[in-house]
Amino acid sequence: LAELSDKWKVTHLKEHRKAFQLMWLGFLKHKLPLSLCKKVLVIMHDSILPHLAQPSLMIDFLTRAYDIGGAVSLLALNGLFILIHKHNLEYPDFYRKLYGLLDPSIFHVKYRARFFHLADLFLSSSHLPAYLVAAFAKRLSRLALTAPPEALLMVLPFICNLLRRHPACRVLVHRPGGPELDADPYDPGEEDPAKSRALESSLWELQALQRHYHPEVSKAAGVINQLLCLPEVSIAPLLELTAFEMFERDLKKKGPETVPLEFVPAQGLLGRRDDLCAQYFTLS
């Protein structure tokens, strides 16, 4: 027992890390099924990378996973974020690939909360060029036109925070005579944010969302008309908001005691008098 205890002393931690690293590198050399690849990526940032002797050696696996697309790319972001920010790893075209992940499915995937949490961190640097931040704001605004309400309540403050952090992008708001869809210079099909011409456009999509059918969404979109010098709004409580939670919240709201009703009594279905529908409406 004494020999075994001595073998596992903290002084041998480097050897343990090397053995742990060799095991994972050997395992990840194989072509893993997507389901297993997702499971590895879910634990990569907190159960694998912190215990490796050289975390940067995981860049090949994470790059391959990031290039797969879809949910696998979203999960690879966590590991890449650690390698870039904690281990000073250079990753060319990172923001271009991150920009490419923004498509309509981003609001419906299982890992939506994790993606927007990491995207918020990636876009927090004040050293990012204005054209890049404008491209992300514009792309999200365009996608917001078809997003569900629970996603809009998260992405609208996200866009406003981008404009608060980067004053050079506020021209997208202070361009009241800006182009609309038929004359918008922004190219949504361009993969390179530097060539998307987002900075020449305006966020007319947010103005359109101010007429959204859901009152909370229209209110959130109206914030863009207010002073953007106010502090940023934390999106953390909104990341995992679901349609069910919104529905439950709306049910708990107390409406006015009296509401306006149709003053012309129903005469029947499709204008026919004295049918069953007319009798039902009369009784009710």
Protein backbone atom coordinates (compact mmCIF):
# COMPACT_ATOMS: atom_id res chain seq x y z
CA LEU A 1 0.00 0.00 0.00
CA ALA A 2 2.89 2.35 0.76
CA GLU A 3 4.36 1.78 -2.70
CA LEU A 4 0.98 2.37 -4.35
CA SER A 5 0.45 5.56 -2.33
CA ASP A 6 3.88 6.83 -3.33
CA LYS A 7 3.16 6.11 -6.99
CA TRP A 8 0.07 8.35 -6.98
CA LYS A 9 1.58 11.31 -5.15
CA VAL A 10 0.89 14.82 -6.43
CA THR A 11 4.54 14.96 -7.52
CA HIS A 12 3.65 12.52 -10.28
CA LEU A 13 0.84 14.73 -11.60
CA LYS A 14 2.77 15.52 -14.81
CA GLU A 15 3.02 11.82 -15.62
CA HIS A 16 -0.69 11.37 -14.96
CA ARG A 17 -1.51 14.26 -17.27
CA LYS A 18 0.68 12.82 -20.03
CA ALA A 19 -0.96 9.41 -19.72
CA PHE A 20 -4.43 11.02 -19.74
CA GLN A 21 -3.45 13.05 -22.80
CA LEU A 22 -2.05 10.04 -24.72
CA MET A 23 -5.23 8.12 -24.04
CA TRP A 24 -7.48 10.88 -25.42
CA LEU A 25 -5.26 11.62 -28.42
CA GLY A 26 -5.25 7.94 -29.33
CA PHE A 27 -9.01 7.70 -28.90
CA LEU A 28 -9.81 10.83 -30.92
CA LYS A 29 -7.70 9.70 -33.88
CA HIS A 30 -10.51 7.32 -34.78
CA LYS A 31 -13.49 8.42 -36.83
CA LEU A 32 -16.17 8.76 -34.17
CA PRO A 33 -19.92 8.57 -34.84
CA LEU A 34 -21.65 11.94 -34.50
CA SER A 35 -23.48 10.92 -31.33
CA LEU A 36 -20.20 10.01 -29.61
CA CYS A 37 -18.46 13.09 -31.00
CA LYS A 38 -21.14 15.29 -29.41
CA LYS A 39 -20.71 13.58 -26.04
CA VAL A 40 -16.95 14.21 -26.14
CA LEU A 41 -17.43 17.87 -27.09
CA VAL A 42 -19.94 18.42 -24.27
CA ILE A 43 -17.32 17.47 -21.65
CA MET A 44 -14.28 18.80 -23.52
CA HIS A 45 -14.07 22.23 -21.86
CA ASP A 46 -14.34 21.11 -18.21
CA SER A 47 -13.44 17.41 -18.02
CA ILE A 48 -10.69 17.01 -20.64
CA LEU A 49 -8.80 20.22 -21.49
CA PRO A 50 -8.00 21.25 -17.87
CA HIS A 51 -6.29 17.89 -17.24
CA LEU A 52 -4.09 17.67 -20.36
CA ALA A 53 -0.35 18.30 -20.32
CA GLN A 54 -0.64 20.24 -23.62
CA PRO A 55 -4.25 21.33 -24.27
CA SER A 56 -3.24 22.90 -27.59
CA LEU A 57 -2.85 19.39 -29.05
CA MET A 58 -6.66 19.19 -29.18
CA ILE A 59 -6.81 21.82 -31.89
CA ASP A 60 -6.91 19.25 -34.72
CA PHE A 61 -9.91 17.42 -33.27
CA LEU A 62 -11.74 20.64 -32.44
CA THR A 63 -11.06 22.07 -35.90
CA ARG A 64 -12.41 18.94 -37.59
CA ALA A 65 -15.49 19.07 -35.37
CA TYR A 66 -15.98 22.77 -36.05
CA ASP A 67 -15.92 22.12 -39.80
CA ILE A 68 -18.69 19.51 -39.59
CA GLY A 69 -21.35 22.16 -39.11
CA GLY A 70 -24.64 22.21 -37.25
CA ALA A 71 -24.80 21.30 -33.57
CA VAL A 72 -21.32 19.75 -33.67
CA SER A 73 -19.82 23.12 -34.63
CA LEU A 74 -21.69 24.82 -31.82
CA LEU A 75 -20.33 22.35 -29.28
CA ALA A 76 -16.77 22.75 -30.57
CA LEU A 77 -16.91 26.47 -29.71
CA ASN A 78 -16.39 25.84 -26.00
CA GLY A 79 -13.08 24.05 -26.51
CA LEU A 80 -11.89 26.55 -29.10
CA PHE A 81 -12.75 29.42 -26.77
CA ILE A 82 -10.50 27.97 -24.05
CA LEU A 83 -7.60 27.35 -26.45
CA ILE A 84 -7.81 30.85 -27.94
CA HIS A 85 -8.25 32.85 -24.73
CA LYS A 86 -6.36 30.79 -22.17
CA HIS A 87 -3.63 29.24 -24.29
CA ASN A 88 -3.13 32.05 -26.86
CA LEU A 89 -3.83 29.78 -29.78
CA GLU A 90 -4.08 31.36 -33.23
CA TYR A 91 -7.14 30.24 -35.19
CA PRO A 92 -7.36 31.77 -38.66
CA ASP A 93 -10.77 32.76 -40.02
CA PHE A 94 -12.41 32.07 -36.65
CA TYR A 95 -14.87 34.97 -36.88
CA ARG A 96 -15.61 34.17 -40.50
CA LYS A 97 -16.57 30.62 -39.54
CA LEU A 98 -18.53 31.86 -36.52
CA TYR A 99 -20.42 34.20 -38.85
CA GLY A 100 -21.17 31.22 -41.10
CA LEU A 101 -22.92 29.42 -38.24
CA LEU A 102 -25.63 32.08 -38.16
CA ASP A 103 -28.58 30.59 -40.02
CA PRO A 104 -32.31 30.20 -39.21
CA SER A 105 -31.70 26.90 -37.39
CA ILE A 106 -29.60 28.65 -34.73
CA PHE A 107 -32.79 29.62 -32.87
CA HIS A 108 -34.10 26.06 -32.73
CA VAL A 109 -31.08 23.89 -31.88
CA LYS A 110 -30.67 22.21 -28.52
CA TYR A 111 -27.44 24.10 -27.74
CA ARG A 112 -28.75 27.59 -28.56
CA ALA A 113 -28.04 28.95 -25.07
CA ARG A 114 -24.42 27.78 -25.12
CA PHE A 115 -23.84 29.24 -28.58
CA PHE A 116 -25.12 32.72 -27.74
CA HIS A 117 -23.28 32.72 -24.42
CA LEU A 118 -20.00 32.05 -26.24
CA ALA A 119 -20.82 34.42 -29.12
CA ASP A 120 -21.40 37.13 -26.55
CA LEU A 121 -17.91 36.50 -25.13
CA PHE A 122 -16.27 36.42 -28.56
CA LEU A 123 -17.85 39.73 -29.56
CA SER A 124 -17.09 41.50 -26.29
CA SER A 125 -13.61 42.70 -27.28
CA SER A 126 -13.39 46.42 -28.02
CA HIS A 127 -10.60 45.74 -30.54
CA LEU A 128 -12.89 44.12 -33.11
CA PRO A 129 -13.27 46.10 -36.35
CA ALA A 130 -16.56 47.91 -36.88
CA TYR A 131 -17.34 46.07 -40.12
CA LEU A 132 -17.18 42.71 -38.31
CA VAL A 133 -19.52 43.69 -35.46
CA ALA A 134 -21.88 45.36 -37.94
CA ALA A 135 -22.00 42.15 -39.99
CA PHE A 136 -23.00 40.10 -36.94
CA ALA A 137 -25.63 42.66 -35.87
CA LYS A 138 -27.09 42.83 -39.37
CA ARG A 139 -27.10 39.05 -39.87
CA LEU A 140 -28.87 38.50 -36.55
CA SER A 141 -31.36 41.25 -37.34
CA ARG A 142 -32.21 39.64 -40.68
CA LEU A 143 -32.62 36.21 -39.05
CA ALA A 144 -34.78 37.77 -36.35
CA LEU A 145 -37.53 38.45 -38.91
CA THR A 146 -38.46 34.74 -38.87
CA ALA A 147 -37.39 33.81 -35.33
CA PRO A 148 -39.85 32.62 -32.65
CA PRO A 149 -40.79 35.09 -29.87
CA GLU A 150 -38.79 33.32 -27.14
CA ALA A 151 -35.64 33.64 -29.27
CA LEU A 152 -36.37 37.26 -30.13
CA LEU A 153 -36.52 38.25 -26.47
CA MET A 154 -32.91 37.05 -26.23
CA VAL A 155 -31.45 38.12 -29.56
CA LEU A 156 -32.82 41.69 -29.54
CA PRO A 157 -30.95 42.64 -26.31
CA PHE A 158 -27.95 40.80 -27.77
CA ILE A 159 -27.95 43.12 -30.80
CA CYS A 160 -28.46 46.21 -28.64
CA ASN A 161 -25.49 45.19 -26.49
CA LEU A 162 -23.32 44.96 -29.61
CA LEU A 163 -24.20 48.54 -30.52
CA ARG A 164 -23.54 49.72 -26.96
CA ARG A 165 -20.07 48.15 -26.95
CA HIS A 166 -19.10 49.40 -30.39
CA PRO A 167 -20.22 53.01 -30.95
CA ALA A 168 -18.87 52.96 -34.52
CA CYS A 169 -21.72 50.60 -35.44
CA ARG A 170 -24.46 52.94 -34.24
CA VAL A 171 -24.62 54.36 -37.75
CA LEU A 172 -26.83 51.34 -38.47
CA VAL A 173 -29.46 52.92 -36.22
CA HIS A 174 -28.85 56.61 -36.92
CA ARG A 175 -29.63 56.20 -40.59
CA PRO A 176 -33.37 56.87 -40.64
CA GLY A 177 -33.50 57.13 -44.42
CA GLY A 178 -31.62 53.89 -44.79
CA PRO A 179 -32.42 51.28 -47.44
CA GLU A 180 -35.09 48.66 -46.97
CA LEU A 181 -35.21 45.15 -48.36
CA ASP A 182 -35.47 46.00 -52.05
CA ALA A 183 -32.44 48.35 -51.98
CA ASP A 184 -30.43 47.02 -49.04
CA PRO A 185 -26.71 46.85 -49.94
CA TYR A 186 -26.19 44.08 -47.36
CA ASP A 187 -25.49 40.71 -48.98
CA PRO A 188 -26.89 37.92 -46.76
CA GLY A 189 -25.35 35.25 -48.99
CA GLU A 190 -21.78 36.54 -48.58
CA GLU A 191 -19.72 34.21 -46.35
CA ASP A 192 -17.04 36.80 -45.61
CA PRO A 193 -18.33 39.45 -43.15
CA ALA A 194 -15.76 41.90 -44.52
CA LYS A 195 -17.50 41.79 -47.92
CA SER A 196 -21.10 41.75 -46.70
CA ARG A 197 -21.42 45.58 -46.84
CA ALA A 198 -23.30 45.52 -43.53
CA LEU A 199 -21.84 48.84 -42.41
CA GLU A 200 -23.50 50.53 -45.42
CA SER A 201 -26.91 49.23 -44.42
CA SER A 202 -29.32 49.95 -41.55
CA LEU A 203 -31.18 47.83 -39.02
CA TRP A 204 -34.60 48.36 -40.58
CA GLU A 205 -35.47 44.81 -39.49
CA LEU A 206 -35.65 45.96 -35.86
CA GLN A 207 -38.00 48.74 -36.87
CA ALA A 208 -40.22 46.14 -38.53
CA LEU A 209 -40.15 44.01 -35.36
CA GLN A 210 -41.55 46.97 -33.40
CA ARG A 211 -44.88 45.95 -35.00
CA HIS A 212 -44.55 42.34 -33.87
CA TYR A 213 -47.73 40.63 -32.67
CA HIS A 214 -46.21 39.80 -29.29
CA PRO A 215 -46.13 42.91 -27.05
CA GLU A 216 -42.91 41.91 -25.25
CA VAL A 217 -41.09 41.51 -28.57
CA SER A 218 -42.28 44.87 -29.91
CA LYS A 219 -41.19 46.48 -26.63
CA ALA A 220 -37.74 44.83 -26.83
CA ALA A 221 -37.33 46.00 -30.43
CA GLY A 222 -38.31 49.54 -29.41
CA VAL A 223 -35.28 49.80 -27.13
CA ILE A 224 -33.22 50.51 -30.24
CA ASN A 225 -34.93 53.92 -30.45
CA GLN A 226 -33.82 54.84 -26.93
CA LEU A 227 -30.43 55.96 -25.71
CA LEU A 228 -27.80 53.30 -26.40
CA CYS A 229 -25.50 54.88 -23.83
CA LEU A 230 -27.32 52.96 -21.11
CA PRO A 231 -25.51 49.98 -19.51
CA GLU A 232 -25.61 46.61 -21.19
CA VAL A 233 -28.45 44.24 -20.40
CA SER A 234 -27.50 40.77 -19.19
CA ILE A 235 -28.84 38.13 -21.58
CA ALA A 236 -28.04 35.26 -19.20
CA PRO A 237 -31.64 34.97 -17.84
CA LEU A 238 -32.98 34.93 -21.41
CA LEU A 239 -30.68 32.32 -22.94
CA GLU A 240 -32.86 29.32 -22.08
CA LEU A 241 -36.27 30.98 -22.27
CA THR A 242 -38.80 28.61 -23.85
CA ALA A 243 -42.16 29.09 -25.54
CA PHE A 244 -43.80 27.18 -22.67
CA GLU A 245 -42.35 29.60 -20.10
CA MET A 246 -43.57 32.57 -22.12
CA PHE A 247 -47.03 31.02 -22.33
CA GLU A 248 -47.12 30.34 -18.59
CA ARG A 249 -45.96 33.89 -17.88
CA ASP A 250 -48.67 35.35 -20.10
CA LEU A 251 -51.32 33.26 -18.36
CA LYS A 252 -50.37 34.72 -14.99
CA LYS A 253 -50.77 38.28 -16.20
CA LYS A 254 -53.91 40.03 -15.11
CA GLY A 255 -55.82 41.66 -17.91
CA PRO A 256 -58.33 44.53 -17.70
CA GLU A 257 -61.66 43.79 -16.08
CA THR A 258 -63.56 44.82 -19.17
CA VAL A 259 -62.49 44.34 -22.75
CA PRO A 260 -64.13 45.62 -25.95
CA LEU A 261 -66.23 43.00 -27.74
CA GLU A 262 -67.84 42.81 -31.15
CA PHE A 263 -71.07 44.86 -30.89
CA VAL A 264 -72.77 43.27 -33.93
CA PRO A 265 -74.31 39.93 -32.89
CA ALA A 266 -73.38 36.90 -34.95
CA GLN A 267 -76.05 35.94 -37.48
CA GLY A 268 -74.69 32.52 -38.32
CA LEU A 269 -71.81 30.89 -40.08
CA LEU A 270 -70.86 32.50 -43.40
CA GLY A 271 -73.87 34.80 -43.28
CA ARG A 272 -76.54 32.07 -42.97
CA ARG A 273 -79.26 32.91 -40.46
CA ASP A 274 -80.91 30.58 -37.94
CA ASP A 275 -78.32 27.81 -38.20
CA LEU A 276 -76.76 25.92 -35.28
CA CYS A 277 -73.81 28.32 -35.03
CA ALA A 278 -76.15 31.30 -34.71
CA GLN A 279 -78.05 29.57 -31.92
CA TYR A 280 -74.79 28.77 -30.14
CA PHE A 281 -73.61 32.38 -30.33
CA THR A 282 -76.96 33.56 -29.02
CA LEU A 283 -76.83 31.22 -26.04
CA SER A 284 -73.25 32.07 -25.17
